[in-house]
Amino acid sequence: MSQIYLSDLEIVDNSLKSLNSTKRCYLIVKRIADIIFSSIILILTSPILAFLTLCIRLESKGPVLFTQKRVGKDGKIIELYKLRTMYTEVKDSGGGINTVDNDPRITKIGKMIRSCSLDEFPQFINILKGEMSYIGPRPISLDEHNFVLKCLENENEPIPQGLIHMVQPGITGWALLHGREKISYEDRFRLNAEYENNFSLWFDLKIFFLTFKKYFFTNFMVFILFLATLLVFISVILK
């Protein structure tokens, strides 16, 4: 990883004490909505997840769920859940694994799962557990977090807002819509801070619909092709 420069980023108190009563009330309402929304999603997708569980187990040995150490609200370490899309021989030190096109470490079913982001669905379990929200800053990996802290220590700089979140991290968020992990650390933290300083019902609705517009249609078409492939596969087996 390359060096980073964070001296121009804003330093603020990362605590709910800095939030007004309206924002604190909204976080309570948002938590209730997260519980309802994630429960509905998990129920509706349970048949698909059950079938994917079978496919994952048939193709390769190992657990169905893959966990990664991420940094959640107030710097708390959480275990982020994903469907396993790689062979179990691939080790993860806690910061995630970088992949390339046609990566041989990814299973065949894993490629299909990743193509329509189905590997992210178990994160609704994290939402039910209260570790995440549907909308919020994307939780940084533990390795990346430690890397940034080391850079700050070497440069004798304070911790910027946007690195340690004062709200629950999310599956989708303001920074993710601007380029996922492709944007720089500085831009990622700045966008995280922008969300944390201005989050509201309307801001969350904006992120929700932008996410729908940016990712749903592409993934929906891939998902339809994925289901069609599964149906063909099942029909061949039944014959």
C-alpha atoms as a PDB file:
ATOM      1  CA  MET A   1       0.000   0.000   0.000  1.00  0.00           C
ATOM      2  CA  SER A   2       1.211   3.534  -0.725  1.00  0.00           C
ATOM      3  CA  GLN A   3       1.738   6.375   1.729  1.00  0.00           C
ATOM      4  CA  ILE A   4      -1.259   8.555   2.577  1.00  0.00           C
ATOM      5  CA  TYR A   5      -1.576  12.181   3.614  1.00  0.00           C
ATOM      6  CA  LEU A   6      -4.405  13.134   5.943  1.00  0.00           C
ATOM      7  CA  SER A   7      -3.347  16.462   7.452  1.00  0.00           C
ATOM      8  CA  ASP A   8      -6.117  18.421   5.699  1.00  0.00           C
ATOM      9  CA  LEU A   9      -8.969  16.256   6.989  1.00  0.00           C
ATOM     10  CA  GLU A  10     -11.263  17.476   9.738  1.00  0.00           C
ATOM     11  CA  ILE A  11     -10.751  16.220  13.313  1.00  0.00           C
ATOM     12  CA  VAL A  12     -13.935  15.920  15.378  1.00  0.00           C
ATOM     13  CA  ASP A  13     -15.350  14.145  18.403  1.00  0.00           C
ATOM     14  CA  ASN A  14     -16.624  10.737  17.265  1.00  0.00           C
ATOM     15  CA  SER A  15     -19.447  10.305  19.756  1.00  0.00           C
ATOM     16  CA  LEU A  16     -23.217  10.498  19.845  1.00  0.00           C
ATOM     17  CA  LYS A  17     -22.904  13.348  22.359  1.00  0.00           C
ATOM     18  CA  SER A  18     -22.162  15.636  19.414  1.00  0.00           C
ATOM     19  CA  LEU A  19     -25.503  14.731  17.774  1.00  0.00           C
ATOM     20  CA  ASN A  20     -28.646  16.766  18.323  1.00  0.00           C
ATOM     21  CA  SER A  21     -31.867  15.204  19.595  1.00  0.00           C
ATOM     22  CA  THR A  22     -33.359  14.959  16.090  1.00  0.00           C
ATOM     23  CA  LYS A  23     -30.444  12.888  14.818  1.00  0.00           C
ATOM     24  CA  ARG A  24     -30.444  10.668  17.915  1.00  0.00           C
ATOM     25  CA  CYS A  25     -34.179  10.010  17.462  1.00  0.00           C
ATOM     26  CA  TYR A  26     -33.639   9.262  13.785  1.00  0.00           C
ATOM     27  CA  LEU A  27     -30.954   6.685  14.647  1.00  0.00           C
ATOM     28  CA  ILE A  28     -33.510   4.885  16.827  1.00  0.00           C
ATOM     29  CA  VAL A  29     -36.088   4.901  14.011  1.00  0.00           C
ATOM     30  CA  LYS A  30     -33.415   3.804  11.556  1.00  0.00           C
ATOM     31  CA  ARG A  31     -32.462   0.884  13.796  1.00  0.00           C
ATOM     32  CA  ILE A  32     -36.079  -0.309  13.885  1.00  0.00           C
ATOM     33  CA  ALA A  33     -36.299   0.016  10.092  1.00  0.00           C
ATOM     34  CA  ASP A  34     -33.037  -1.930   9.724  1.00  0.00           C
ATOM     35  CA  ILE A  35     -34.408  -4.811  11.803  1.00  0.00           C
ATOM     36  CA  ILE A  36     -37.627  -4.976   9.769  1.00  0.00           C
ATOM     37  CA  PHE A  37     -35.880  -4.568   6.395  1.00  0.00           C
ATOM     38  CA  SER A  38     -33.120  -7.103   7.080  1.00  0.00           C
ATOM     39  CA  SER A  39     -35.626  -9.645   8.428  1.00  0.00           C
ATOM     40  CA  ILE A  40     -37.735  -9.352   5.266  1.00  0.00           C
ATOM     41  CA  ILE A  41     -34.666  -9.644   3.004  1.00  0.00           C
ATOM     42  CA  LEU A  42     -33.359 -12.728   4.826  1.00  0.00           C
ATOM     43  CA  ILE A  43     -36.788 -14.408   4.691  1.00  0.00           C
ATOM     44  CA  LEU A  44     -37.323 -13.643   0.990  1.00  0.00           C
ATOM     45  CA  THR A  45     -33.832 -14.764  -0.003  1.00  0.00           C
ATOM     46  CA  SER A  46     -33.702 -17.832   2.259  1.00  0.00           C
ATOM     47  CA  PRO A  47     -34.590 -20.309  -0.563  1.00  0.00           C
ATOM     48  CA  ILE A  48     -31.842 -18.858  -2.764  1.00  0.00           C
ATOM     49  CA  LEU A  49     -29.347 -18.830   0.113  1.00  0.00           C
ATOM     50  CA  ALA A  50     -30.244 -22.442   0.933  1.00  0.00           C
ATOM     51  CA  PHE A  51     -29.607 -23.491  -2.659  1.00  0.00           C
ATOM     52  CA  LEU A  52     -26.327 -21.556  -2.761  1.00  0.00           C
ATOM     53  CA  THR A  53     -25.319 -23.247   0.484  1.00  0.00           C
ATOM     54  CA  LEU A  54     -25.798 -26.625  -1.191  1.00  0.00           C
ATOM     55  CA  CYS A  55     -23.839 -25.537  -4.287  1.00  0.00           C
ATOM     56  CA  ILE A  56     -20.946 -24.193  -2.204  1.00  0.00           C
ATOM     57  CA  ARG A  57     -20.707 -27.401  -0.183  1.00  0.00           C
ATOM     58  CA  LEU A  58     -20.906 -29.620  -3.268  1.00  0.00           C
ATOM     59  CA  GLU A  59     -18.106 -27.801  -5.073  1.00  0.00           C
ATOM     60  CA  SER A  60     -15.574 -27.368  -2.272  1.00  0.00           C
ATOM     61  CA  LYS A  61     -14.949 -28.319   1.327  1.00  0.00           C
ATOM     62  CA  GLY A  62     -15.224 -25.802   4.116  1.00  0.00           C
ATOM     63  CA  PRO A  63     -17.732 -23.481   5.778  1.00  0.00           C
ATOM     64  CA  VAL A  64     -20.444 -21.770   3.765  1.00  0.00           C
ATOM     65  CA  LEU A  65     -19.949 -18.437   5.487  1.00  0.00           C
ATOM     66  CA  PHE A  66     -16.684 -16.532   5.284  1.00  0.00           C
ATOM     67  CA  THR A  67     -15.875 -13.925   7.932  1.00  0.00           C
ATOM     68  CA  GLN A  68     -13.643 -10.869   7.750  1.00  0.00           C
ATOM     69  CA  LYS A  69     -12.530  -8.621  10.575  1.00  0.00           C
ATOM     70  CA  ARG A  70     -13.799  -5.093   9.988  1.00  0.00           C
ATOM     71  CA  VAL A  71     -13.846  -1.955  12.130  1.00  0.00           C
ATOM     72  CA  GLY A  72     -17.337  -0.919  13.167  1.00  0.00           C
ATOM     73  CA  LYS A  73     -18.849   1.901  15.202  1.00  0.00           C
ATOM     74  CA  ASP A  74     -16.504   3.533  17.724  1.00  0.00           C
ATOM     75  CA  GLY A  75     -13.617   1.348  16.534  1.00  0.00           C
ATOM     76  CA  LYS A  76     -15.220  -1.924  17.642  1.00  0.00           C
ATOM     77  CA  ILE A  77     -13.978  -4.977  15.730  1.00  0.00           C
ATOM     78  CA  ILE A  78     -16.807  -6.927  14.065  1.00  0.00           C
ATOM     79  CA  GLU A  79     -16.909 -10.172  12.099  1.00  0.00           C
ATOM     80  CA  LEU A  80     -18.435  -9.315   8.726  1.00  0.00           C
ATOM     81  CA  TYR A  81     -20.283 -12.237   7.104  1.00  0.00           C
ATOM     82  CA  LYS A  82     -20.094 -13.200   3.446  1.00  0.00           C
ATOM     83  CA  LEU A  83     -20.847 -16.308   1.429  1.00  0.00           C
ATOM     84  CA  ARG A  84     -17.585 -18.118   0.798  1.00  0.00           C
ATOM     85  CA  THR A  85     -16.578 -17.757  -2.848  1.00  0.00           C
ATOM     86  CA  MET A  86     -12.995 -19.030  -2.602  1.00  0.00           C
ATOM     87  CA  TYR A  87     -11.386 -22.350  -1.841  1.00  0.00           C
ATOM     88  CA  THR A  88     -10.677 -22.837   1.858  1.00  0.00           C
ATOM     89  CA  GLU A  89      -6.924 -23.069   1.249  1.00  0.00           C
ATOM     90  CA  VAL A  90      -6.949 -19.291   0.702  1.00  0.00           C
ATOM     91  CA  LYS A  91      -6.106 -17.593   3.984  1.00  0.00           C
ATOM     92  CA  ASP A  92      -7.260 -14.166   5.100  1.00  0.00           C
ATOM     93  CA  SER A  93      -5.328 -12.308   7.776  1.00  0.00           C
ATOM     94  CA  GLY A  94      -8.314 -10.154   8.621  1.00  0.00           C
ATOM     95  CA  GLY A  95      -8.137  -7.448   6.032  1.00  0.00           C
ATOM     96  CA  GLY A  96      -9.836  -9.041   3.062  1.00  0.00           C
ATOM     97  CA  ILE A  97      -8.332 -10.584  -0.044  1.00  0.00           C
ATOM     98  CA  ASN A  98      -7.573  -8.744  -3.255  1.00  0.00           C
ATOM     99  CA  THR A  99      -8.714 -10.587  -6.366  1.00  0.00           C
ATOM    100  CA  VAL A 100      -7.968 -10.305 -10.077  1.00  0.00           C
ATOM    101  CA  ASP A 101      -9.877 -11.230 -13.228  1.00  0.00           C
ATOM    102  CA  ASN A 102     -10.158 -15.014 -13.700  1.00  0.00           C
ATOM    103  CA  ASP A 103      -8.689 -15.529 -10.233  1.00  0.00           C
ATOM    104  CA  PRO A 104      -8.072 -19.298  -9.823  1.00  0.00           C
ATOM    105  CA  ARG A 105      -8.744 -19.018  -6.085  1.00  0.00           C
ATOM    106  CA  ILE A 106     -12.422 -18.295  -6.758  1.00  0.00           C
ATOM    107  CA  THR A 107     -14.724 -21.293  -7.150  1.00  0.00           C
ATOM    108  CA  LYS A 108     -17.032 -21.691 -10.151  1.00  0.00           C
ATOM    109  CA  ILE A 109     -20.151 -21.060  -8.099  1.00  0.00           C
ATOM    110  CA  GLY A 110     -18.236 -18.248  -6.383  1.00  0.00           C
ATOM    111  CA  LYS A 111     -17.822 -16.402  -9.683  1.00  0.00           C
ATOM    112  CA  MET A 112     -21.571 -16.536 -10.263  1.00  0.00           C
ATOM    113  CA  ILE A 113     -22.286 -15.430  -6.700  1.00  0.00           C
ATOM    114  CA  ARG A 114     -19.886 -12.500  -6.932  1.00  0.00           C
ATOM    115  CA  SER A 115     -21.236 -11.410 -10.324  1.00  0.00           C
ATOM    116  CA  CYS A 116     -24.559 -10.424  -8.746  1.00  0.00           C
ATOM    117  CA  SER A 117     -23.228  -9.533  -5.261  1.00  0.00           C
ATOM    118  CA  LEU A 118     -25.081 -12.387  -3.563  1.00  0.00           C
ATOM    119  CA  ASP A 119     -22.036 -12.969  -1.350  1.00  0.00           C
ATOM    120  CA  GLU A 120     -22.957  -9.742   0.485  1.00  0.00           C
ATOM    121  CA  PHE A 121     -26.423 -10.918   1.592  1.00  0.00           C
ATOM    122  CA  PRO A 122     -25.284 -12.572   4.868  1.00  0.00           C
ATOM    123  CA  GLN A 123     -24.357  -9.073   6.045  1.00  0.00           C
ATOM    124  CA  PHE A 124     -28.043  -8.616   6.807  1.00  0.00           C
ATOM    125  CA  ILE A 125     -27.234 -10.917   9.746  1.00  0.00           C
ATOM    126  CA  ASN A 126     -24.741  -8.274  10.892  1.00  0.00           C
ATOM    127  CA  ILE A 127     -27.570  -5.747  10.658  1.00  0.00           C
ATOM    128  CA  LEU A 128     -29.878  -7.907  12.777  1.00  0.00           C
ATOM    129  CA  LYS A 129     -27.111  -8.240  15.376  1.00  0.00           C
ATOM    130  CA  GLY A 130     -26.862  -4.460  15.580  1.00  0.00           C
ATOM    131  CA  GLU A 131     -23.316  -4.340  14.192  1.00  0.00           C
ATOM    132  CA  MET A 132     -24.254  -2.664  10.916  1.00  0.00           C
ATOM    133  CA  SER A 133     -26.983  -0.691   9.195  1.00  0.00           C
ATOM    134  CA  TYR A 134     -28.171  -0.949   5.609  1.00  0.00           C
ATOM    135  CA  ILE A 135     -26.894   2.578   4.927  1.00  0.00           C
ATOM    136  CA  GLY A 136     -23.722   3.951   6.477  1.00  0.00           C
ATOM    137  CA  PRO A 137     -19.965   4.244   5.966  1.00  0.00           C
ATOM    138  CA  ARG A 138     -18.543   1.019   4.560  1.00  0.00           C
ATOM    139  CA  PRO A 139     -16.556  -0.707   7.362  1.00  0.00           C
ATOM    140  CA  ILE A 140     -12.831  -0.612   6.669  1.00  0.00           C
ATOM    141  CA  SER A 141     -10.845  -3.837   6.993  1.00  0.00           C
ATOM    142  CA  LEU A 142      -8.766  -4.348  10.135  1.00  0.00           C
ATOM    143  CA  ASP A 143      -5.526  -4.469   8.140  1.00  0.00           C
ATOM    144  CA  GLU A 144      -6.331  -1.214   6.339  1.00  0.00           C
ATOM    145  CA  HIS A 145      -7.336   0.406   9.631  1.00  0.00           C
ATOM    146  CA  ASN A 146      -4.043  -0.566  11.268  1.00  0.00           C
ATOM    147  CA  PHE A 147      -2.137   0.610   8.187  1.00  0.00           C
ATOM    148  CA  VAL A 148      -3.749   4.053   8.345  1.00  0.00           C
ATOM    149  CA  LEU A 149      -3.131   4.333  12.099  1.00  0.00           C
ATOM    150  CA  LYS A 150       0.525   3.431  11.534  1.00  0.00           C
ATOM    151  CA  CYS A 151       0.826   6.139   8.870  1.00  0.00           C
ATOM    152  CA  LEU A 152      -0.771   8.670  11.209  1.00  0.00           C
ATOM    153  CA  GLU A 153       1.611   7.670  13.984  1.00  0.00           C
ATOM    154  CA  ASN A 154       4.639   7.992  11.706  1.00  0.00           C
ATOM    155  CA  GLU A 155       3.494  11.432  10.538  1.00  0.00           C
ATOM    156  CA  ASN A 156       2.472  12.456  14.075  1.00  0.00           C
ATOM    157  CA  GLU A 157      -1.032  13.309  12.859  1.00  0.00           C
ATOM    158  CA  PRO A 158      -4.345  13.002  14.760  1.00  0.00           C
ATOM    159  CA  ILE A 159      -7.097  10.575  13.758  1.00  0.00           C
ATOM    160  CA  PRO A 160      -9.396  12.138  11.119  1.00  0.00           C
ATOM    161  CA  GLN A 161     -13.159  11.955  11.129  1.00  0.00           C
ATOM    162  CA  GLY A 162     -14.351   9.212   8.816  1.00  0.00           C
ATOM    163  CA  LEU A 163     -11.818   6.614   9.975  1.00  0.00           C
ATOM    164  CA  ILE A 164     -13.551   5.697  13.238  1.00  0.00           C
ATOM    165  CA  HIS A 165     -17.311   5.908  12.726  1.00  0.00           C
ATOM    166  CA  MET A 166     -19.771   7.505  15.124  1.00  0.00           C
ATOM    167  CA  VAL A 167     -22.638   5.679  13.375  1.00  0.00           C
ATOM    168  CA  GLN A 168     -23.101   2.055  12.384  1.00  0.00           C
ATOM    169  CA  PRO A 169     -21.264   1.081   9.182  1.00  0.00           C
ATOM    170  CA  GLY A 170     -23.417   0.027   6.256  1.00  0.00           C
ATOM    171  CA  ILE A 171     -23.749  -2.345   3.332  1.00  0.00           C
ATOM    172  CA  THR A 172     -24.064   0.684   1.057  1.00  0.00           C
ATOM    173  CA  GLY A 173     -23.083   4.265   1.676  1.00  0.00           C
ATOM    174  CA  TRP A 174     -22.082   7.678   0.374  1.00  0.00           C
ATOM    175  CA  ALA A 175     -18.409   6.810  -0.179  1.00  0.00           C
ATOM    176  CA  LEU A 176     -19.234   3.474  -1.816  1.00  0.00           C
ATOM    177  CA  LEU A 177     -21.404   5.234  -4.398  1.00  0.00           C
ATOM    178  CA  HIS A 178     -18.379   7.329  -5.364  1.00  0.00           C
ATOM    179  CA  GLY A 179     -16.239   4.356  -6.318  1.00  0.00           C
ATOM    180  CA  ARG A 180     -16.143   1.634  -3.673  1.00  0.00           C
ATOM    181  CA  GLU A 181     -12.530   0.931  -2.609  1.00  0.00           C
ATOM    182  CA  LYS A 182     -11.141   2.482  -5.819  1.00  0.00           C
ATOM    183  CA  ILE A 183     -11.128   5.989  -4.346  1.00  0.00           C
ATOM    184  CA  SER A 184      -8.257   7.217  -2.167  1.00  0.00           C
ATOM    185  CA  TYR A 185      -8.251   6.952   1.621  1.00  0.00           C
ATOM    186  CA  GLU A 186      -8.497  10.740   1.848  1.00  0.00           C
ATOM    187  CA  ASP A 187     -11.618  10.851  -0.335  1.00  0.00           C
ATOM    188  CA  ARG A 188     -13.136   7.864   1.440  1.00  0.00           C
ATOM    189  CA  PHE A 189     -12.712   9.437   4.886  1.00  0.00           C
ATOM    190  CA  ARG A 190     -13.928  12.812   3.643  1.00  0.00           C
ATOM    191  CA  LEU A 191     -17.097  11.269   2.175  1.00  0.00           C
ATOM    192  CA  ASN A 192     -17.631   9.236   5.356  1.00  0.00           C
ATOM    193  CA  ALA A 193     -17.322  12.446   7.380  1.00  0.00           C
ATOM    194  CA  GLU A 194     -19.733  14.226   5.038  1.00  0.00           C
ATOM    195  CA  TYR A 195     -22.304  11.492   5.653  1.00  0.00           C
ATOM    196  CA  GLU A 196     -21.787  11.429   9.428  1.00  0.00           C
ATOM    197  CA  ASN A 197     -22.152  15.214   9.650  1.00  0.00           C
ATOM    198  CA  ASN A 198     -25.282  15.363   7.493  1.00  0.00           C
ATOM    199  CA  PHE A 199     -27.082  12.020   7.792  1.00  0.00           C
ATOM    200  CA  SER A 200     -30.861  12.236   7.808  1.00  0.00           C
ATOM    201  CA  LEU A 201     -33.902  10.441   6.436  1.00  0.00           C
ATOM    202  CA  TRP A 202     -33.621  12.358   3.158  1.00  0.00           C
ATOM    203  CA  PHE A 203     -29.898  11.710   2.803  1.00  0.00           C
ATOM    204  CA  ASP A 204     -30.449   7.995   3.441  1.00  0.00           C
ATOM    205  CA  LEU A 205     -33.294   7.888   0.912  1.00  0.00           C
ATOM    206  CA  LYS A 206     -31.016   9.561  -1.625  1.00  0.00           C
ATOM    207  CA  ILE A 207     -28.323   6.921  -1.032  1.00  0.00           C
ATOM    208  CA  PHE A 208     -30.920   4.139  -1.192  1.00  0.00           C
ATOM    209  CA  PHE A 209     -32.280   5.217  -4.588  1.00  0.00           C
ATOM    210  CA  LEU A 210     -28.820   5.964  -6.003  1.00  0.00           C
ATOM    211  CA  THR A 211     -27.719   2.476  -4.947  1.00  0.00           C
ATOM    212  CA  PHE A 212     -30.825   1.018  -6.570  1.00  0.00           C
ATOM    213  CA  LYS A 213     -30.145   2.961  -9.762  1.00  0.00           C
ATOM    214  CA  LYS A 214     -26.410   2.242  -9.907  1.00  0.00           C
ATOM    215  CA  TYR A 215     -26.287  -1.428  -8.919  1.00  0.00           C
ATOM    216  CA  PHE A 216     -29.735  -3.021  -9.031  1.00  0.00           C
ATOM    217  CA  PHE A 217     -30.417  -3.025 -12.778  1.00  0.00           C
ATOM    218  CA  THR A 218     -27.009  -4.455 -13.691  1.00  0.00           C
ATOM    219  CA  ASN A 219     -27.111  -7.041 -10.939  1.00  0.00           C
ATOM    220  CA  PHE A 220     -30.753  -7.842 -11.685  1.00  0.00           C
ATOM    221  CA  MET A 221     -29.960  -8.853 -15.267  1.00  0.00           C
ATOM    222  CA  VAL A 222     -27.003 -10.918 -14.087  1.00  0.00           C
ATOM    223  CA  PHE A 223     -29.232 -12.438 -11.415  1.00  0.00           C
ATOM    224  CA  ILE A 224     -31.833 -13.441 -14.024  1.00  0.00           C
ATOM    225  CA  LEU A 225     -29.105 -15.136 -16.070  1.00  0.00           C
ATOM    226  CA  PHE A 226     -27.876 -16.779 -12.890  1.00  0.00           C
ATOM    227  CA  LEU A 227     -31.339 -18.171 -12.094  1.00  0.00           C
ATOM    228  CA  ALA A 228     -31.753 -19.360 -15.694  1.00  0.00           C
ATOM    229  CA  THR A 229     -28.436 -21.197 -15.457  1.00  0.00           C
ATOM    230  CA  LEU A 230     -29.507 -22.802 -12.192  1.00  0.00           C
ATOM    231  CA  LEU A 231     -32.799 -23.943 -13.706  1.00  0.00           C
ATOM    232  CA  VAL A 232     -30.975 -25.520 -16.646  1.00  0.00           C
ATOM    233  CA  PHE A 233     -28.560 -27.181 -14.223  1.00  0.00           C
ATOM    234  CA  ILE A 234     -31.429 -28.579 -12.124  1.00  0.00           C
ATOM    235  CA  SER A 235     -33.328 -29.832 -15.190  1.00  0.00           C
ATOM    236  CA  VAL A 236     -30.217 -31.672 -16.409  1.00  0.00           C
ATOM    237  CA  ILE A 237     -29.786 -33.331 -13.010  1.00  0.00           C
ATOM    238  CA  LEU A 238     -33.454 -34.367 -12.828  1.00  0.00           C
ATOM    239  CA  LYS A 239     -33.236 -36.010 -16.260  1.00  0.00           C
END
